Amino acid sequence: MFGRQRTGSVLCPSCGRLVGVNDEVCLSCGRRNPGMWGLTSVLGRLGRDMGFVQVVIGGCAFLYLAMLLVDPQGIRNSGLFSLLAPSQEALIRFGASGAGPVFRAGRWWTLLSAGWLHAGLLHIGFNLYWVRLLAPATAELYGASRMVILYTVTSVTGFLASSLVGAFVPGLGGGWITVGASAPILGLLGAMVYYGRRTGSRQVGGQAWSYALFMIVFGFLMRGVDNWAHLGGFAGGYLAGRLLDPLLPERGNHQLAAVVCLALTALAVVASLVVPV
């Protein structure tokens, strides 16, 4: 049932035309290895996002519970937004980003790991809801691999913006210690805004703008929200969406880049746990 297909035809993941499972290139759109080495049917069962949403939800939930377990005495319950909040020490240990970790401690890899960590029960619930809503939609527009690239790149741009402002222009805010998937979530919205402009789709662009503005305004109204991570993620998503041109077909190098992004993110979490603070 889940074995690799070795003969016959499949649908090209980029253009939907029939191709041979062992064809080197799709004659219709030029995608390399359109048969995905016989794994298209297996990947198709994972959904249009190839299981990325499940990976994010499972990974974020696992890391959140692990942070609570390593320092149960430090769990905070000082209010609705701090309900079941991991201690600051646990956040830093697992890969929180910000001006402190990046510029004072030299933990630059936390630009990758921080997007998978959360500072409370409401925080993780809110963000994972948006990931579940936006990641499949972005995969429909850009392709699953490019969606993973967008998610990873905008985590870096979001937390880099916050860290830079926090370190060099502290009067403007920025994060000394910051975590959360909201930076790459705004990145996906930035990419969708560019998609609307590139394709002329007012519905996609308008909806993405409305979501982004809601989150940005909400961030400025609520205390403790890292607005620079939001703005950096959104800007990074718009620029990355332009570079990944959604009107061009997804190619094998995008799939390889997506795998590299996931591997680097996993290594960033491991490095945070291994390298002393």
Protein backbone atom coordinates (compact mmCIF):
# COMPACT_ATOMS: atom_id res chain seq x y z
CA MET A 1 0.00 0.00 0.00
CA PHE A 2 2.78 2.44 0.91
CA GLY A 3 5.51 0.94 -1.29
CA ARG A 4 7.43 2.83 -3.95
CA GLN A 5 5.89 2.74 -7.43
CA ARG A 6 8.44 1.48 -9.95
CA THR A 7 6.52 1.44 -13.24
CA GLY A 8 3.57 3.15 -14.90
CA SER A 9 2.42 6.77 -14.92
CA VAL A 10 1.71 9.41 -12.28
CA LEU A 11 0.55 13.01 -12.26
CA CYS A 12 3.28 15.63 -12.30
CA PRO A 13 3.12 17.46 -8.93
CA SER A 14 3.69 20.81 -10.68
CA CYS A 15 1.40 20.80 -13.71
CA GLY A 16 -0.89 17.78 -13.18
CA ARG A 17 -0.04 16.15 -16.54
CA LEU A 18 0.66 12.43 -16.89
CA VAL A 19 4.34 11.50 -16.77
CA GLY A 20 6.24 8.25 -16.49
CA VAL A 21 7.24 7.40 -12.99
CA ASN A 22 10.89 7.13 -14.10
CA ASP A 23 10.94 10.17 -16.40
CA GLU A 24 13.85 12.54 -15.79
CA VAL A 25 11.85 15.63 -16.75
CA CYS A 26 8.21 16.57 -17.33
CA LEU A 27 7.79 17.45 -21.01
CA SER A 28 4.91 19.82 -20.18
CA CYS A 29 6.39 22.03 -17.45
CA GLY A 30 10.07 21.07 -17.25
CA ARG A 31 10.00 19.82 -13.66
CA ARG A 32 12.85 17.41 -12.97
CA ASN A 33 12.07 13.98 -11.52
CA PRO A 34 8.29 14.52 -11.76
CA GLY A 35 7.72 10.94 -10.65
CA MET A 36 9.40 11.75 -7.33
CA TRP A 37 11.28 8.45 -7.50
CA GLY A 38 7.99 6.59 -7.28
CA LEU A 39 6.96 8.31 -4.05
CA THR A 40 4.26 10.64 -5.40
CA SER A 41 1.39 8.41 -4.24
CA VAL A 42 2.90 8.07 -0.77
CA LEU A 43 3.50 11.81 -0.45
CA GLY A 44 0.06 12.52 -1.85
CA ARG A 45 -1.55 10.68 1.05
CA LEU A 46 0.11 13.19 3.38
CA GLY A 47 -1.87 16.03 1.81
CA ARG A 48 -0.88 19.03 -0.25
CA ASP A 49 1.57 20.17 2.43
CA MET A 50 3.24 16.70 2.49
CA GLY A 51 2.64 16.38 6.21
CA PHE A 52 4.40 19.61 7.20
CA VAL A 53 1.52 20.84 9.33
CA GLN A 54 1.58 17.61 11.33
CA VAL A 55 5.35 17.95 11.73
CA VAL A 56 5.02 21.52 13.03
CA ILE A 57 2.16 20.70 15.39
CA GLY A 58 3.87 17.57 16.71
CA GLY A 59 7.28 19.21 16.97
CA CYS A 60 6.05 22.35 18.71
CA ALA A 61 3.89 20.36 21.13
CA PHE A 62 6.76 18.00 21.97
CA LEU A 63 9.21 20.85 22.61
CA TYR A 64 6.65 22.78 24.67
CA LEU A 65 5.98 19.77 26.92
CA ALA A 66 9.71 19.05 27.18
CA MET A 67 10.39 22.60 28.38
CA LEU A 68 7.75 22.20 31.07
CA LEU A 69 9.17 18.86 32.19
CA VAL A 70 12.82 19.95 32.45
CA ASP A 71 11.97 22.79 34.83
CA PRO A 72 8.59 22.13 36.47
CA GLN A 73 9.41 24.44 39.38
CA GLY A 74 9.82 27.36 37.00
CA ILE A 75 6.42 27.04 35.30
CA ARG A 76 4.58 30.36 35.47
CA ASN A 77 0.83 30.92 35.85
CA SER A 78 0.70 34.66 36.46
CA GLY A 79 -2.17 35.37 34.07
CA LEU A 80 -4.07 34.26 31.01
CA PHE A 81 -1.15 34.92 28.67
CA SER A 82 1.31 33.28 31.07
CA LEU A 83 -0.73 30.16 31.70
CA LEU A 84 1.60 27.16 31.83
CA ALA A 85 4.52 29.25 30.63
CA PRO A 86 7.94 27.54 30.61
CA SER A 87 10.67 29.17 32.64
CA GLN A 88 13.07 31.58 30.96
CA GLU A 89 15.89 29.13 31.61
CA ALA A 90 14.02 26.36 29.78
CA LEU A 91 13.27 28.64 26.83
CA ILE A 92 16.93 29.60 26.48
CA ARG A 93 18.08 26.01 26.90
CA PHE A 94 15.84 24.79 24.06
CA GLY A 95 16.73 27.59 21.64
CA ALA A 96 15.01 30.90 22.33
CA SER A 97 16.29 33.71 20.12
CA GLY A 98 16.59 37.46 20.66
CA ALA A 99 19.27 40.05 21.28
CA GLY A 100 20.51 38.22 24.38
CA PRO A 101 21.03 34.74 22.92
CA VAL A 102 22.15 35.91 19.45
CA PHE A 103 24.45 38.83 20.21
CA ARG A 104 25.47 38.38 23.83
CA ALA A 105 25.72 34.58 23.93
CA GLY A 106 26.58 34.04 20.26
CA ARG A 107 23.80 31.49 19.78
CA TRP A 108 23.07 32.56 16.19
CA TRP A 109 21.40 29.25 15.29
CA THR A 110 18.45 30.16 17.52
CA LEU A 111 17.12 32.19 14.59
CA LEU A 112 16.02 28.78 13.31
CA SER A 113 14.95 27.06 16.53
CA ALA A 114 12.93 29.87 18.16
CA GLY A 115 10.03 29.52 15.73
CA TRP A 116 9.30 26.06 17.14
CA LEU A 117 9.14 27.16 20.80
CA HIS A 118 6.28 28.82 22.67
CA ALA A 119 5.94 30.77 25.88
CA GLY A 120 2.58 29.56 27.12
CA LEU A 121 -0.51 27.44 26.50
CA LEU A 122 -2.47 30.23 24.81
CA HIS A 123 0.59 31.19 22.77
CA ILE A 124 1.09 27.74 21.29
CA GLY A 125 -2.64 27.19 20.72
CA PHE A 126 -3.06 30.47 18.86
CA ASN A 127 0.00 29.95 16.66
CA LEU A 128 -0.70 26.34 15.76
CA TYR A 129 -4.22 27.31 14.72
CA TRP A 130 -2.75 29.77 12.22
CA VAL A 131 -0.17 27.26 11.00
CA ARG A 132 -2.95 24.76 10.33
CA LEU A 133 -4.90 27.44 8.46
CA LEU A 134 -2.14 29.05 6.41
CA ALA A 135 0.46 26.37 5.64
CA PRO A 136 -1.80 24.21 3.41
CA ALA A 137 -3.07 27.34 1.63
CA THR A 138 0.50 28.50 0.97
CA ALA A 139 1.41 25.02 -0.28
CA GLU A 140 -1.45 25.25 -2.78
CA LEU A 141 -0.05 28.52 -4.13
CA TYR A 142 3.70 27.86 -4.05
CA GLY A 143 4.01 24.09 -3.67
CA ALA A 144 4.80 22.15 -0.51
CA SER A 145 8.58 22.41 -0.77
CA ARG A 146 8.61 26.14 -1.33
CA MET A 147 6.17 26.56 1.55
CA VAL A 148 8.69 24.83 3.86
CA ILE A 149 11.44 27.10 2.53
CA LEU A 150 9.29 30.16 3.15
CA TYR A 151 8.47 29.03 6.67
CA THR A 152 12.13 28.49 7.53
CA VAL A 153 13.56 31.59 5.85
CA THR A 154 10.98 33.90 7.42
CA SER A 155 11.66 32.50 10.86
CA VAL A 156 15.25 33.67 10.35
CA THR A 157 14.30 37.12 8.99
CA GLY A 158 11.73 37.65 11.73
CA PHE A 159 13.96 36.79 14.67
CA LEU A 160 16.95 38.52 13.09
CA ALA A 161 14.97 41.76 12.83
CA SER A 162 13.85 41.46 16.44
CA SER A 163 17.36 40.64 17.66
CA LEU A 164 18.96 43.50 15.74
CA VAL A 165 16.50 46.06 17.07
CA GLY A 166 16.74 44.67 20.60
CA ALA A 167 20.53 44.78 20.55
CA PHE A 168 21.22 48.06 18.76
CA VAL A 169 18.06 50.16 19.04
CA PRO A 170 16.49 48.95 22.30
CA GLY A 171 14.34 52.05 22.59
CA LEU A 172 12.28 50.79 19.65
CA GLY A 173 11.48 47.48 21.28
CA GLY A 174 12.78 44.25 19.83
CA GLY A 175 13.19 41.04 21.72
CA TRP A 176 15.86 40.29 24.31
CA ILE A 177 14.47 36.76 24.54
CA THR A 178 11.83 35.80 22.00
CA VAL A 179 10.09 32.68 20.68
CA GLY A 180 7.02 31.67 18.69
CA ALA A 181 5.75 30.56 15.30
CA SER A 182 4.15 33.95 14.64
CA ALA A 183 7.26 35.18 12.77
CA PRO A 184 7.03 32.45 10.08
CA ILE A 185 3.21 32.73 10.14
CA LEU A 186 3.54 36.39 9.12
CA GLY A 187 6.10 35.20 6.61
CA LEU A 188 3.54 32.94 4.95
CA LEU A 189 1.14 35.87 4.81
CA GLY A 190 3.81 38.06 3.24
CA ALA A 191 4.35 35.43 0.56
CA MET A 192 0.60 35.24 -0.06
CA VAL A 193 0.43 39.01 -0.42
CA TYR A 194 3.14 38.80 -3.08
CA TYR A 195 1.26 35.97 -4.77
CA GLY A 196 -1.78 38.21 -5.04
CA ARG A 197 0.28 40.98 -6.61
CA ARG A 198 2.14 38.61 -8.97
CA THR A 199 -0.97 36.84 -10.23
CA GLY A 200 -3.50 39.65 -9.91
CA SER A 201 -5.57 37.64 -7.45
CA ARG A 202 -7.30 40.28 -5.33
CA GLN A 203 -9.01 37.62 -3.24
CA VAL A 204 -5.76 35.97 -2.11
CA GLY A 205 -3.87 39.24 -1.66
CA GLY A 206 -6.73 40.99 0.11
CA GLN A 207 -7.38 38.12 2.51
CA ALA A 208 -3.68 37.81 3.34
CA TRP A 209 -3.42 41.57 3.97
CA SER A 210 -6.43 41.48 6.29
CA TYR A 211 -4.96 38.60 8.32
CA ALA A 212 -1.54 40.28 8.49
CA LEU A 213 -2.94 43.63 9.58
CA PHE A 214 -5.05 41.94 12.25
CA MET A 215 -1.98 40.22 13.71
CA ILE A 216 0.19 43.32 13.54
CA VAL A 217 -2.43 45.58 15.13
CA PHE A 218 -3.18 42.92 17.75
CA GLY A 219 0.54 42.78 18.51
CA PHE A 220 0.77 46.52 19.13
CA LEU A 221 -2.28 46.43 21.42
CA MET A 222 -1.06 43.52 23.56
CA ARG A 223 1.89 43.59 25.91
CA GLY A 224 4.71 41.12 25.40
CA VAL A 225 4.17 40.59 21.66
CA ASP A 226 7.31 40.73 19.51
CA ASN A 227 6.18 43.10 16.77
CA TRP A 228 9.61 43.30 15.14
CA ALA A 229 9.61 39.53 14.64
CA HIS A 230 6.18 39.90 13.00
CA LEU A 231 7.35 42.72 10.71
CA GLY A 232 10.61 40.96 9.87
CA GLY A 233 8.79 37.74 9.09
CA PHE A 234 6.26 39.51 6.87
CA ALA A 235 8.93 41.42 4.94
CA GLY A 236 11.02 38.27 4.57
CA GLY A 237 8.01 36.35 3.29
CA TYR A 238 7.20 38.97 0.68
CA LEU A 239 10.80 39.06 -0.61
CA ALA A 240 11.22 35.27 -0.50
CA GLY A 241 7.90 34.85 -2.31
CA ARG A 242 9.25 37.10 -5.05
CA LEU A 243 12.45 35.07 -5.33
CA LEU A 244 10.52 31.78 -5.43
CA ASP A 245 8.13 33.13 -8.13
CA PRO A 246 4.85 31.21 -7.64
CA LEU A 247 4.15 31.25 -11.39
CA LEU A 248 7.16 29.03 -12.06
CA PRO A 249 6.84 25.27 -11.43
CA GLU A 250 8.33 23.71 -8.34
CA ARG A 251 11.53 21.81 -9.08
CA GLY A 252 13.70 19.16 -7.51
CA ASN A 253 16.11 21.72 -6.06
CA HIS A 254 13.20 23.17 -4.07
CA GLN A 255 12.54 19.75 -2.53
CA LEU A 256 16.20 19.38 -1.64
CA ALA A 257 16.25 22.87 -0.13
CA ALA A 258 13.15 22.04 1.94
CA VAL A 259 14.83 18.94 3.35
CA VAL A 260 17.94 20.99 4.16
CA CYS A 261 15.77 23.60 5.92
CA LEU A 262 14.14 20.97 8.13
CA ALA A 263 17.50 19.33 8.88
CA LEU A 264 19.11 22.65 9.84
CA THR A 265 16.17 23.48 12.09
CA ALA A 266 16.47 20.13 13.88
CA LEU A 267 20.22 20.68 14.26
CA ALA A 268 19.57 24.15 15.69
CA VAL A 269 17.39 22.67 18.46
CA VAL A 270 20.04 20.01 19.16
CA ALA A 271 22.79 22.65 19.25
CA SER A 272 20.79 24.69 21.75
CA LEU A 273 20.54 21.68 24.04
CA VAL A 274 24.17 20.66 23.66
CA VAL A 275 26.07 23.97 23.64
CA PRO A 276 26.31 25.47 27.15
CA VAL A 277 24.60 28.82 27.69
